Amino acid sequence: MRFLLAPLLLLGGAGTGLATTALHHWWWGLALGAAATMTALVALPPGWWGRLAFALGWFLLVARLVLPRPEGGFVVGADTPGYALMALGLVVLVTGVATLPRPTRPVRRARS
């Protein structure tokens, strides 16, 4: 079931990232997008198929929109809201990776 949930969370993260990017020029749009993003990250279970999938979808879409377009224009400008959006992207990515479960070592049994 988790394998089916990961693509949906990737799309959900990309949709949230798209909405945040579209509204980031207004202070209330950036605040609303950041609140929605962080609320989703807190609500999702930590792990490869939950929080990290959402964070990767969000980050990859916003990272693509930060790059210059072939026509020479920008979706995210080099201004305060643009830098705040990029900082939010780093927070989202670090949160997704930092909350992964720690790997466990197999239990060794003593030979008798």
PDB file of N, CA and C in Angstrom:
ATOM      1  N   MET A   1       0.820  -1.198   0.000  1.00  0.00           N
ATOM      2  CA  MET A   1       0.000   0.000   0.000  1.00  0.00           C
ATOM      3  C   MET A   1       0.864   1.262   0.000  1.00  0.00           C
ATOM      4  N   ARG A   2       2.014   1.186   0.679  1.00  0.00           N
ATOM      5  CA  ARG A   2       2.882   2.356   0.745  1.00  0.00           C
ATOM      6  C   ARG A   2       3.448   2.700  -0.625  1.00  0.00           C
ATOM      7  N   PHE A   3       3.640   1.685  -1.479  1.00  0.00           N
ATOM      8  CA  PHE A   3       4.167   1.941  -2.815  1.00  0.00           C
ATOM      9  C   PHE A   3       3.177   2.740  -3.651  1.00  0.00           C
ATOM     10  N   LEU A   4       1.896   2.571  -3.392  1.00  0.00           N
ATOM     11  CA  LEU A   4       0.877   3.334  -4.101  1.00  0.00           C
ATOM     12  C   LEU A   4       0.735   4.737  -3.538  1.00  0.00           C
ATOM     13  N   LEU A   5       1.047   4.892  -2.275  1.00  0.00           N
ATOM     14  CA  LEU A   5       0.912   6.195  -1.627  1.00  0.00           C
ATOM     15  C   LEU A   5       2.029   7.156  -2.019  1.00  0.00           C
ATOM     16  N   ALA A   6       3.220   6.638  -2.285  1.00  0.00           N
ATOM     17  CA  ALA A   6       4.365   7.496  -2.593  1.00  0.00           C
ATOM     18  C   ALA A   6       4.146   8.341  -3.851  1.00  0.00           C
ATOM     19  N   PRO A   7       3.651   7.787  -4.979  1.00  0.00           N
ATOM     20  CA  PRO A   7       3.421   8.651  -6.147  1.00  0.00           C
ATOM     21  C   PRO A   7       2.349   9.714  -5.885  1.00  0.00           C
ATOM     22  N   LEU A   8       1.347   9.379  -5.091  1.00  0.00           N
ATOM     23  CA  LEU A   8       0.328  10.376  -4.758  1.00  0.00           C
ATOM     24  C   LEU A   8       0.904  11.499  -3.906  1.00  0.00           C
ATOM     25  N   LEU A   9       1.792  11.141  -2.986  1.00  0.00           N
ATOM     26  CA  LEU A   9       2.426  12.166  -2.161  1.00  0.00           C
ATOM     27  C   LEU A   9       3.411  13.008  -2.973  1.00  0.00           C
ATOM     28  N   LEU A  10       4.071  12.396  -3.955  1.00  0.00           N
ATOM     29  CA  LEU A  10       4.918  13.185  -4.856  1.00  0.00           C
ATOM     30  C   LEU A  10       4.085  14.221  -5.602  1.00  0.00           C
ATOM     31  N   LEU A  11       2.933  13.798  -6.116  1.00  0.00           N
ATOM     32  CA  LEU A  11       2.049  14.728  -6.818  1.00  0.00           C
ATOM     33  C   LEU A  11       1.470  15.775  -5.872  1.00  0.00           C
ATOM     34  N   GLY A  12       1.124  15.364  -4.660  1.00  0.00           N
ATOM     35  CA  GLY A  12       0.613  16.321  -3.671  1.00  0.00           C
ATOM     36  C   GLY A  12       1.663  17.348  -3.293  1.00  0.00           C
ATOM     37  N   GLY A  13       2.893  16.912  -3.130  1.00  0.00           N
ATOM     38  CA  GLY A  13       3.978  17.841  -2.838  1.00  0.00           C
ATOM     39  C   GLY A  13       4.236  18.783  -3.998  1.00  0.00           C
ATOM     40  N   ALA A  14       4.184  18.249  -5.223  1.00  0.00           N
ATOM     41  CA  ALA A  14       4.380  19.101  -6.394  1.00  0.00           C
ATOM     42  C   ALA A  14       3.249  20.119  -6.518  1.00  0.00           C
ATOM     43  N   GLY A  15       2.028  19.713  -6.231  1.00  0.00           N
ATOM     44  CA  GLY A  15       0.903  20.649  -6.282  1.00  0.00           C
ATOM     45  C   GLY A  15       1.015  21.743  -5.233  1.00  0.00           C
ATOM     46  N   THR A  16       1.424  21.363  -4.035  1.00  0.00           N
ATOM     47  CA  THR A  16       1.611  22.356  -2.982  1.00  0.00           C
ATOM     48  C   THR A  16       2.763  23.292  -3.324  1.00  0.00           C
ATOM     49  N   GLY A  17       3.833  22.763  -3.889  1.00  0.00           N
ATOM     50  CA  GLY A  17       4.955  23.594  -4.308  1.00  0.00           C
ATOM     51  C   GLY A  17       4.571  24.549  -5.431  1.00  0.00           C
ATOM     52  N   LEU A  18       3.742  24.067  -6.359  1.00  0.00           N
ATOM     53  CA  LEU A  18       3.280  24.926  -7.449  1.00  0.00           C
ATOM     54  C   LEU A  18       2.418  26.070  -6.916  1.00  0.00           C
ATOM     55  N   ALA A  19       1.513  25.752  -6.005  1.00  0.00           N
ATOM     56  CA  ALA A  19       0.667  26.797  -5.422  1.00  0.00           C
ATOM     57  C   ALA A  19       1.497  27.794  -4.615  1.00  0.00           C
ATOM     58  N   THR A  20       2.459  27.304  -3.874  1.00  0.00           N
ATOM     59  CA  THR A  20       3.320  28.196  -3.094  1.00  0.00           C
ATOM     60  C   THR A  20       4.136  29.095  -4.009  1.00  0.00           C
ATOM     61  N   THR A  21       4.643  28.538  -5.098  1.00  0.00           N
ATOM     62  CA  THR A  21       5.425  29.334  -6.040  1.00  0.00           C
ATOM     63  C   THR A  21       4.552  30.370  -6.741  1.00  0.00           C
ATOM     64  N   ALA A  22       3.331  29.996  -7.076  1.00  0.00           N
ATOM     65  CA  ALA A  22       2.437  30.932  -7.762  1.00  0.00           C
ATOM     66  C   ALA A  22       2.059  32.117  -6.880  1.00  0.00           C
ATOM     67  N   LEU A  23       2.009  31.909  -5.565  1.00  0.00           N
ATOM     68  CA  LEU A  23       1.568  32.963  -4.656  1.00  0.00           C
ATOM     69  C   LEU A  23       2.700  33.594  -3.848  1.00  0.00           C
ATOM     70  N   HIS A  24       3.933  33.224  -4.108  1.00  0.00           N
ATOM     71  CA  HIS A  24       5.024  33.666  -3.228  1.00  0.00           C
ATOM     72  C   HIS A  24       5.320  35.160  -3.321  1.00  0.00           C
ATOM     73  N   HIS A  25       4.844  35.849  -4.345  1.00  0.00           N
ATOM     74  CA  HIS A  25       5.116  37.290  -4.468  1.00  0.00           C
ATOM     75  C   HIS A  25       4.354  38.123  -3.446  1.00  0.00           C
ATOM     76  N   TRP A  26       3.254  37.614  -2.954  1.00  0.00           N
ATOM     77  CA  TRP A  26       2.484  38.310  -1.920  1.00  0.00           C
ATOM     78  C   TRP A  26       2.872  37.720  -0.569  1.00  0.00           C
ATOM     79  N   TRP A  27       2.976  38.550   0.446  1.00  0.00           N
ATOM     80  CA  TRP A  27       3.403  38.074   1.758  1.00  0.00           C
ATOM     81  C   TRP A  27       2.441  37.032   2.300  1.00  0.00           C
ATOM     82  N   TRP A  28       1.142  37.231   2.076  1.00  0.00           N
ATOM     83  CA  TRP A  28       0.161  36.288   2.599  1.00  0.00           C
ATOM     84  C   TRP A  28       0.208  34.978   1.814  1.00  0.00           C
ATOM     85  N   GLY A  29       0.565  35.021   0.520  1.00  0.00           N
ATOM     86  CA  GLY A  29       0.682  33.803  -0.275  1.00  0.00           C
ATOM     87  C   GLY A  29       1.860  32.960   0.153  1.00  0.00           C
ATOM     88  N   LEU A  30       2.972  33.622   0.443  1.00  0.00           N
ATOM     89  CA  LEU A  30       4.150  32.892   0.918  1.00  0.00           C
ATOM     90  C   LEU A  30       3.893  32.310   2.303  1.00  0.00           C
ATOM     91  N   ALA A  31       3.244  33.088   3.161  1.00  0.00           N
ATOM     92  CA  ALA A  31       2.930  32.587   4.510  1.00  0.00           C
ATOM     93  C   ALA A  31       1.950  31.420   4.445  1.00  0.00           C
ATOM     94  N   LEU A  32       0.930  31.519   3.592  1.00  0.00           N
ATOM     95  CA  LEU A  32      -0.048  30.440   3.452  1.00  0.00           C
ATOM     96  C   LEU A  32       0.597  29.184   2.864  1.00  0.00           C
ATOM     97  N   GLY A  33       1.445  29.367   1.848  1.00  0.00           N
ATOM     98  CA  GLY A  33       2.137  28.224   1.257  1.00  0.00           C
ATOM     99  C   GLY A  33       3.093  27.562   2.228  1.00  0.00           C
ATOM    100  N   ALA A  34       3.814  28.368   3.006  1.00  0.00           N
ATOM    101  CA  ALA A  34       4.725  27.803   4.001  1.00  0.00           C
ATOM    102  C   ALA A  34       3.954  27.071   5.088  1.00  0.00           C
ATOM    103  N   ALA A  35       2.826  27.643   5.520  1.00  0.00           N
ATOM    104  CA  ALA A  35       2.018  26.992   6.555  1.00  0.00           C
ATOM    105  C   ALA A  35       1.432  25.678   6.045  1.00  0.00           C
ATOM    106  N   ALA A  36       0.939  25.669   4.813  1.00  0.00           N
ATOM    107  CA  ALA A  36       0.380  24.432   4.250  1.00  0.00           C
ATOM    108  C   ALA A  36       1.452  23.368   4.077  1.00  0.00           C
ATOM    109  N   THR A  37       2.614  23.787   3.624  1.00  0.00           N
ATOM    110  CA  THR A  37       3.713  22.847   3.419  1.00  0.00           C
ATOM    111  C   THR A  37       4.187  22.243   4.733  1.00  0.00           C
ATOM    112  N   MET A  38       4.430  23.088   5.713  1.00  0.00           N
ATOM    113  CA  MET A  38       4.938  22.588   6.988  1.00  0.00           C
ATOM    114  C   MET A  38       3.880  21.768   7.727  1.00  0.00           C
ATOM    115  N   THR A  39       2.608  22.134   7.603  1.00  0.00           N
ATOM    116  CA  THR A  39       1.545  21.343   8.224  1.00  0.00           C
ATOM    117  C   THR A  39       1.485  19.947   7.612  1.00  0.00           C
ATOM    118  N   ALA A  40       1.608  19.876   6.288  1.00  0.00           N
ATOM    119  CA  ALA A  40       1.609  18.563   5.636  1.00  0.00           C
ATOM    120  C   ALA A  40       2.822  17.744   6.054  1.00  0.00           C
ATOM    121  N   LEU A  41       3.986  18.381   6.168  1.00  0.00           N
ATOM    122  CA  LEU A  41       5.177  17.644   6.582  1.00  0.00           C
ATOM    123  C   LEU A  41       5.053  17.108   8.002  1.00  0.00           C
ATOM    124  N   VAL A  42       4.443  17.890   8.878  1.00  0.00           N
ATOM    125  CA  VAL A  42       4.277  17.435  10.265  1.00  0.00           C
ATOM    126  C   VAL A  42       3.229  16.326  10.340  1.00  0.00           C
ATOM    127  N   ALA A  43       2.187  16.425   9.520  1.00  0.00           N
ATOM    128  CA  ALA A  43       1.092  15.459   9.588  1.00  0.00           C
ATOM    129  C   ALA A  43       1.453  14.111   8.954  1.00  0.00           C
ATOM    130  N   LEU A  44       2.331  14.119   7.971  1.00  0.00           N
ATOM    131  CA  LEU A  44       2.687  12.868   7.299  1.00  0.00           C
ATOM    132  C   LEU A  44       3.630  12.043   8.164  1.00  0.00           C
ATOM    133  N   PRO A  45       3.531  10.722   8.043  1.00  0.00           N
ATOM    134  CA  PRO A  45       4.443   9.879   8.825  1.00  0.00           C
ATOM    135  C   PRO A  45       5.858   9.965   8.272  1.00  0.00           C
ATOM    136  N   PRO A  46       6.855   9.959   9.154  1.00  0.00           N
ATOM    137  CA  PRO A  46       8.230  10.000   8.661  1.00  0.00           C
ATOM    138  C   PRO A  46       8.573   8.704   7.946  1.00  0.00           C
ATOM    139  N   GLY A  47       9.414   8.817   6.962  1.00  0.00           N
ATOM    140  CA  GLY A  47       9.843   7.612   6.258  1.00  0.00           C
ATOM    141  C   GLY A  47       9.975   7.855   4.769  1.00  0.00           C
ATOM    142  N   TRP A  48      10.448   6.820   4.087  1.00  0.00           N
ATOM    143  CA  TRP A  48      10.702   6.895   2.650  1.00  0.00           C
ATOM    144  C   TRP A  48       9.425   7.098   1.858  1.00  0.00           C
ATOM    145  N   TRP A  49       8.340   6.499   2.278  1.00  0.00           N
ATOM    146  CA  TRP A  49       7.110   6.511   1.488  1.00  0.00           C
ATOM    147  C   TRP A  49       6.132   7.583   1.947  1.00  0.00           C
ATOM    148  N   GLY A  50       6.455   8.329   2.962  1.00  0.00           N
ATOM    149  CA  GLY A  50       5.544   9.345   3.478  1.00  0.00           C
ATOM    150  C   GLY A  50       6.103  10.740   3.317  1.00  0.00           C
ATOM    151  N   ARG A  51       6.738  11.203   4.369  1.00  0.00           N
ATOM    152  CA  ARG A  51       7.216  12.583   4.426  1.00  0.00           C
ATOM    153  C   ARG A  51       8.260  12.888   3.346  1.00  0.00           C
ATOM    154  N   LEU A  52       9.165  11.961   3.091  1.00  0.00           N
ATOM    155  CA  LEU A  52      10.212  12.223   2.104  1.00  0.00           C
ATOM    156  C   LEU A  52       9.632  12.322   0.698  1.00  0.00           C
ATOM    157  N   ALA A  53       8.642  11.514   0.364  1.00  0.00           N
ATOM    158  CA  ALA A  53       8.019  11.590  -0.961  1.00  0.00           C
ATOM    159  C   ALA A  53       7.366  12.953  -1.170  1.00  0.00           C
ATOM    160  N   PHE A  54       6.648  13.447  -0.184  1.00  0.00           N
ATOM    161  CA  PHE A  54       6.029  14.770  -0.274  1.00  0.00           C
ATOM    162  C   PHE A  54       7.099  15.849  -0.412  1.00  0.00           C
ATOM    163  N   ALA A  55       8.141  15.769   0.413  1.00  0.00           N
ATOM    164  CA  ALA A  55       9.203  16.773   0.390  1.00  0.00           C
ATOM    165  C   ALA A  55       9.936  16.771  -0.947  1.00  0.00           C
ATOM    166  N   LEU A  56      10.189  15.599  -1.508  1.00  0.00           N
ATOM    167  CA  LEU A  56      10.868  15.533  -2.803  1.00  0.00           C
ATOM    168  C   LEU A  56      10.003  16.105  -3.912  1.00  0.00           C
ATOM    169  N   GLY A  57       8.714  15.799  -3.905  1.00  0.00           N
ATOM    170  CA  GLY A  57       7.815  16.371  -4.905  1.00  0.00           C
ATOM    171  C   GLY A  57       7.794  17.884  -4.828  1.00  0.00           C
ATOM    172  N   TRP A  58       7.709  18.411  -3.620  1.00  0.00           N
ATOM    173  CA  TRP A  58       7.686  19.865  -3.420  1.00  0.00           C
ATOM    174  C   TRP A  58       8.995  20.481  -3.888  1.00  0.00           C
ATOM    175  N   PHE A  59      10.104  19.920  -3.413  1.00  0.00           N
ATOM    176  CA  PHE A  59      11.417  20.498  -3.695  1.00  0.00           C
ATOM    177  C   PHE A  59      11.760  20.428  -5.179  1.00  0.00           C
ATOM    178  N   LEU A  60      11.509  19.297  -5.822  1.00  0.00           N
ATOM    179  CA  LEU A  60      11.881  19.153  -7.227  1.00  0.00           C
ATOM    180  C   LEU A  60      11.098  20.109  -8.117  1.00  0.00           C
ATOM    181  N   LEU A  61       9.815  20.307  -7.837  1.00  0.00           N
ATOM    182  CA  LEU A  61       9.038  21.236  -8.644  1.00  0.00           C
ATOM    183  C   LEU A  61       9.505  22.670  -8.435  1.00  0.00           C
ATOM    184  N   VAL A  62       9.718  23.066  -7.202  1.00  0.00           N
ATOM    185  CA  VAL A  62      10.161  24.433  -6.930  1.00  0.00           C
ATOM    186  C   VAL A  62      11.578  24.647  -7.483  1.00  0.00           C
ATOM    187  N   ALA A  63      12.441  23.651  -7.375  1.00  0.00           N
ATOM    188  CA  ALA A  63      13.797  23.781  -7.920  1.00  0.00           C
ATOM    189  C   ALA A  63      13.749  23.944  -9.431  1.00  0.00           C
ATOM    190  N   ARG A  64      12.829  23.275 -10.084  1.00  0.00           N
ATOM    191  CA  ARG A  64      12.686  23.431 -11.541  1.00  0.00           C
ATOM    192  C   ARG A  64      12.187  24.826 -11.887  1.00  0.00           C
ATOM    193  N   LEU A  65      11.298  25.374 -11.075  1.00  0.00           N
ATOM    194  CA  LEU A  65      10.759  26.699 -11.353  1.00  0.00           C
ATOM    195  C   LEU A  65      11.737  27.816 -11.009  1.00  0.00           C
ATOM    196  N   VAL A  66      12.732  27.534 -10.196  1.00  0.00           N
ATOM    197  CA  VAL A  66      13.741  28.537  -9.856  1.00  0.00           C
ATOM    198  C   VAL A  66      14.694  28.761 -11.039  1.00  0.00           C
ATOM    199  N   LEU A  67      14.920  27.743 -11.844  1.00  0.00           N
ATOM    200  CA  LEU A  67      15.834  27.863 -12.984  1.00  0.00           C
ATOM    201  C   LEU A  67      15.265  28.832 -14.021  1.00  0.00           C
ATOM    202  N   PRO A  68      16.134  29.516 -14.759  1.00  0.00           N
ATOM    203  CA  PRO A  68      15.634  30.439 -15.790  1.00  0.00           C
ATOM    204  C   PRO A  68      14.935  29.690 -16.922  1.00  0.00           C
ATOM    205  N   ARG A  69      13.919  30.337 -17.473  1.00  0.00           N
ATOM    206  CA  ARG A  69      13.170  29.757 -18.578  1.00  0.00           C
ATOM    207  C   ARG A  69      13.932  29.959 -19.880  1.00  0.00           C
ATOM    208  N   PRO A  70      13.639  29.156 -20.913  1.00  0.00           N
ATOM    209  CA  PRO A  70      14.348  29.314 -22.200  1.00  0.00           C
ATOM    210  C   PRO A  70      14.130  30.685 -22.843  1.00  0.00           C
ATOM    211  N   GLU A  71      12.994  31.312 -22.552  1.00  0.00           N
ATOM    212  CA  GLU A  71      12.720  32.638 -23.109  1.00  0.00           C
ATOM    213  C   GLU A  71      13.531  33.727 -22.421  1.00  0.00           C
ATOM    214  N   GLY A  72      14.158  33.401 -21.308  1.00  0.00           N
ATOM    215  CA  GLY A  72      14.976  34.362 -20.600  1.00  0.00           C
ATOM    216  C   GLY A  72      14.319  34.928 -19.358  1.00  0.00           C
ATOM    217  N   GLY A  73      13.063  34.592 -19.090  1.00  0.00           N
ATOM    218  CA  GLY A  73      12.375  35.100 -17.912  1.00  0.00           C
ATOM    219  C   GLY A  73      12.565  34.191 -16.711  1.00  0.00           C
ATOM    220  N   PHE A  74      12.039  34.637 -15.581  1.00  0.00           N
ATOM    221  CA  PHE A  74      12.147  33.879 -14.342  1.00  0.00           C
ATOM    222  C   PHE A  74      10.761  33.728 -13.727  1.00  0.00           C
ATOM    223  N   VAL A  75      10.494  32.597 -13.124  1.00  0.00           N
ATOM    224  CA  VAL A  75       9.277  32.420 -12.337  1.00  0.00           C
ATOM    225  C   VAL A  75       9.530  32.921 -10.917  1.00  0.00           C
ATOM    226  N   VAL A  76      10.713  32.634 -10.408  1.00  0.00           N
ATOM    227  CA  VAL A  76      11.110  33.071  -9.069  1.00  0.00           C
ATOM    228  C   VAL A  76      12.235  34.082  -9.237  1.00  0.00           C
ATOM    229  N   GLY A  77      11.980  35.293  -8.827  1.00  0.00           N
ATOM    230  CA  GLY A  77      12.961  36.358  -9.004  1.00  0.00           C
ATOM    231  C   GLY A  77      13.990  36.382  -7.888  1.00  0.00           C
ATOM    232  N   ALA A  78      15.034  37.170  -8.104  1.00  0.00           N
ATOM    233  CA  ALA A  78      16.094  37.344  -7.111  1.00  0.00           C
ATOM    234  C   ALA A  78      15.742  38.509  -6.198  1.00  0.00           C
ATOM    235  N   ASP A  79      14.658  38.332  -5.451  1.00  0.00           N
ATOM    236  CA  ASP A  79      14.206  39.345  -4.499  1.00  0.00           C
ATOM    237  C   ASP A  79      13.919  38.654  -3.172  1.00  0.00           C
ATOM    238  N   THR A  80      13.442  39.400  -2.209  1.00  0.00           N
ATOM    239  CA  THR A  80      13.215  38.836  -0.871  1.00  0.00           C
ATOM    240  C   THR A  80      12.226  37.671  -0.887  1.00  0.00           C
ATOM    241  N   PRO A  81      11.054  37.782  -1.538  1.00  0.00           N
ATOM    242  CA  PRO A  81      10.160  36.618  -1.573  1.00  0.00           C
ATOM    243  C   PRO A  81      10.782  35.417  -2.288  1.00  0.00           C
ATOM    244  N   GLY A  82      11.573  35.665  -3.334  1.00  0.00           N
ATOM    245  CA  GLY A  82      12.219  34.559  -4.044  1.00  0.00           C
ATOM    246  C   GLY A  82      13.226  33.830  -3.175  1.00  0.00           C
ATOM    247  N   TYR A  83      14.034  34.612  -2.450  1.00  0.00           N
ATOM    248  CA  TYR A  83      15.001  33.984  -1.556  1.00  0.00           C
ATOM    249  C   TYR A  83      14.309  33.279  -0.392  1.00  0.00           C
ATOM    250  N   ALA A  84      13.205  33.825   0.084  1.00  0.00           N
ATOM    251  CA  ALA A  84      12.442  33.163   1.149  1.00  0.00           C
ATOM    252  C   ALA A  84      11.871  31.841   0.654  1.00  0.00           C
ATOM    253  N   LEU A  85      11.410  31.803  -0.596  1.00  0.00           N
ATOM    254  CA  LEU A  85      10.896  30.557  -1.172  1.00  0.00           C
ATOM    255  C   LEU A  85      12.008  29.525  -1.308  1.00  0.00           C
ATOM    256  N   MET A  86      13.190  29.958  -1.738  1.00  0.00           N
ATOM    257  CA  MET A  86      14.312  29.021  -1.849  1.00  0.00           C
ATOM    258  C   MET A  86      14.760  28.516  -0.480  1.00  0.00           C
ATOM    259  N   ALA A  87      14.721  29.378   0.521  1.00  0.00           N
ATOM    260  CA  ALA A  87      15.062  28.941   1.880  1.00  0.00           C
ATOM    261  C   ALA A  87      14.033  27.941   2.392  1.00  0.00           C
ATOM    262  N   LEU A  88      12.766  28.190   2.081  1.00  0.00           N
ATOM    263  CA  LEU A  88      11.723  27.234   2.459  1.00  0.00           C
ATOM    264  C   LEU A  88      11.954  25.900   1.777  1.00  0.00           C
ATOM    265  N   GLY A  89      12.409  25.932   0.540  1.00  0.00           N
ATOM    266  CA  GLY A  89      12.720  24.687  -0.166  1.00  0.00           C
ATOM    267  C   GLY A  89      13.808  23.886   0.526  1.00  0.00           C
ATOM    268  N   LEU A  90      14.831  24.570   1.009  1.00  0.00           N
ATOM    269  CA  LEU A  90      15.890  23.864   1.743  1.00  0.00           C
ATOM    270  C   LEU A  90      15.365  23.294   3.053  1.00  0.00           C
ATOM    271  N   VAL A  91      14.505  24.045   3.743  1.00  0.00           N
ATOM    272  CA  VAL A  91      13.908  23.553   4.992  1.00  0.00           C
ATOM    273  C   VAL A  91      13.067  22.313   4.714  1.00  0.00           C
ATOM    274  N   VAL A  92      12.299  22.335   3.636  1.00  0.00           N
ATOM    275  CA  VAL A  92      11.460  21.184   3.281  1.00  0.00           C
ATOM    276  C   VAL A  92      12.324  19.965   2.984  1.00  0.00           C
ATOM    277  N   LEU A  93      13.368  20.139   2.201  1.00  0.00           N
ATOM    278  CA  LEU A  93      14.233  19.009   1.856  1.00  0.00           C
ATOM    279  C   LEU A  93      14.957  18.463   3.082  1.00  0.00           C
ATOM    280  N   VAL A  94      15.496  19.332   3.906  1.00  0.00           N
ATOM    281  CA  VAL A  94      16.206  18.885   5.108  1.00  0.00           C
ATOM    282  C   VAL A  94      15.248  18.184   6.067  1.00  0.00           C
ATOM    283  N   THR A  95      14.036  18.694   6.199  1.00  0.00           N
ATOM    284  CA  THR A  95      13.053  18.047   7.071  1.00  0.00           C
ATOM    285  C   THR A  95      12.706  16.659   6.565  1.00  0.00           C
ATOM    286  N   GLY A  96      12.538  16.525   5.254  1.00  0.00           N
ATOM    287  CA  GLY A  96      12.225  15.207   4.696  1.00  0.00           C
ATOM    288  C   GLY A  96      13.337  14.200   4.906  1.00  0.00           C
ATOM    289  N   VAL A  97      14.569  14.628   4.745  1.00  0.00           N
ATOM    290  CA  VAL A  97      15.703  13.708   4.886  1.00  0.00           C
ATOM    291  C   VAL A  97      16.050  13.469   6.356  1.00  0.00           C
ATOM    292  N   ALA A  98      15.993  14.512   7.165  1.00  0.00           N
ATOM    293  CA  ALA A  98      16.418  14.387   8.562  1.00  0.00           C
ATOM    294  C   ALA A  98      15.464  13.533   9.392  1.00  0.00           C
ATOM    295  N   THR A  99      14.226  13.397   8.968  1.00  0.00           N
ATOM    296  CA  THR A  99      13.275  12.620   9.754  1.00  0.00           C
ATOM    297  C   THR A  99      13.122  11.188   9.250  1.00  0.00           C
ATOM    298  N   LEU A 100      14.042  10.754   8.394  1.00  0.00           N
ATOM    299  CA  LEU A 100      14.016   9.346   7.989  1.00  0.00           C
ATOM    300  C   LEU A 100      14.350   8.470   9.187  1.00  0.00           C
ATOM    301  N   PRO A 101      13.748   7.281   9.266  1.00  0.00           N
ATOM    302  CA  PRO A 101      14.082   6.400  10.378  1.00  0.00           C
ATOM    303  C   PRO A 101      15.543   5.949  10.301  1.00  0.00           C
ATOM    304  N   ARG A 102      16.131   5.803  11.451  1.00  0.00           N
ATOM    305  CA  ARG A 102      17.522   5.357  11.508  1.00  0.00           C
ATOM    306  C   ARG A 102      17.605   3.898  11.098  1.00  0.00           C
ATOM    307  N   PRO A 103      18.651   3.540  10.363  1.00  0.00           N
ATOM    308  CA  PRO A 103      18.809   2.128  10.012  1.00  0.00           C
ATOM    309  C   PRO A 103      19.116   1.307  11.254  1.00  0.00           C
ATOM    310  N   THR A 104      18.591   0.118  11.279  1.00  0.00           N
ATOM    311  CA  THR A 104      18.825  -0.761  12.421  1.00  0.00           C
ATOM    312  C   THR A 104      19.813  -1.844  12.020  1.00  0.00           C
ATOM    313  N   ARG A 105      20.597  -2.253  12.986  1.00  0.00           N
ATOM    314  CA  ARG A 105      21.546  -3.337  12.748  1.00  0.00           C
ATOM    315  C   ARG A 105      20.871  -4.660  13.084  1.00  0.00           C
ATOM    316  N   PRO A 106      21.198  -5.696  12.323  1.00  0.00           N
ATOM    317  CA  PRO A 106      20.646  -6.994  12.669  1.00  0.00           C
ATOM    318  C   PRO A 106      21.200  -7.481  14.012  1.00  0.00           C
ATOM    319  N   VAL A 107      20.383  -8.140  14.743  1.00  0.00           N
ATOM    320  CA  VAL A 107      20.774  -8.634  16.057  1.00  0.00           C
ATOM    321  C   VAL A 107      21.648  -9.873  15.872  1.00  0.00           C
ATOM    322  N   ARG A 108      22.828  -9.843  16.461  1.00  0.00           N
ATOM    323  CA  ARG A 108      23.724 -11.004  16.394  1.00  0.00           C
ATOM    324  C   ARG A 108      23.482 -11.877  17.602  1.00  0.00           C
ATOM    325  N   ARG A 109      23.338 -13.119  17.327  1.00  0.00           N
ATOM    326  CA  ARG A 109      23.159 -14.072  18.431  1.00  0.00           C
ATOM    327  C   ARG A 109      24.491 -14.772  18.705  1.00  0.00           C
ATOM    328  N   ALA A 110      24.758 -14.974  19.942  1.00  0.00           N
ATOM    329  CA  ALA A 110      26.003 -15.647  20.340  1.00  0.00           C
ATOM    330  C   ALA A 110      25.916 -17.121  19.990  1.00  0.00           C
ATOM    331  N   ARG A 111      27.008 -17.638  19.460  1.00  0.00           N
ATOM    332  CA  ARG A 111      27.064 -19.062  19.153  1.00  0.00           C
ATOM    333  C   ARG A 111      27.404 -19.826  20.420  1.00  0.00           C
ATOM    334  N   SER A 112      26.741 -20.944  20.578  1.00  0.00           N
ATOM    335  CA  SER A 112      27.072 -21.749  21.743  1.00  0.00           C
ATOM    336  C   SER A 112      27.659 -23.076  21.362  1.00  0.00           C
TER     337      SER A 112
END
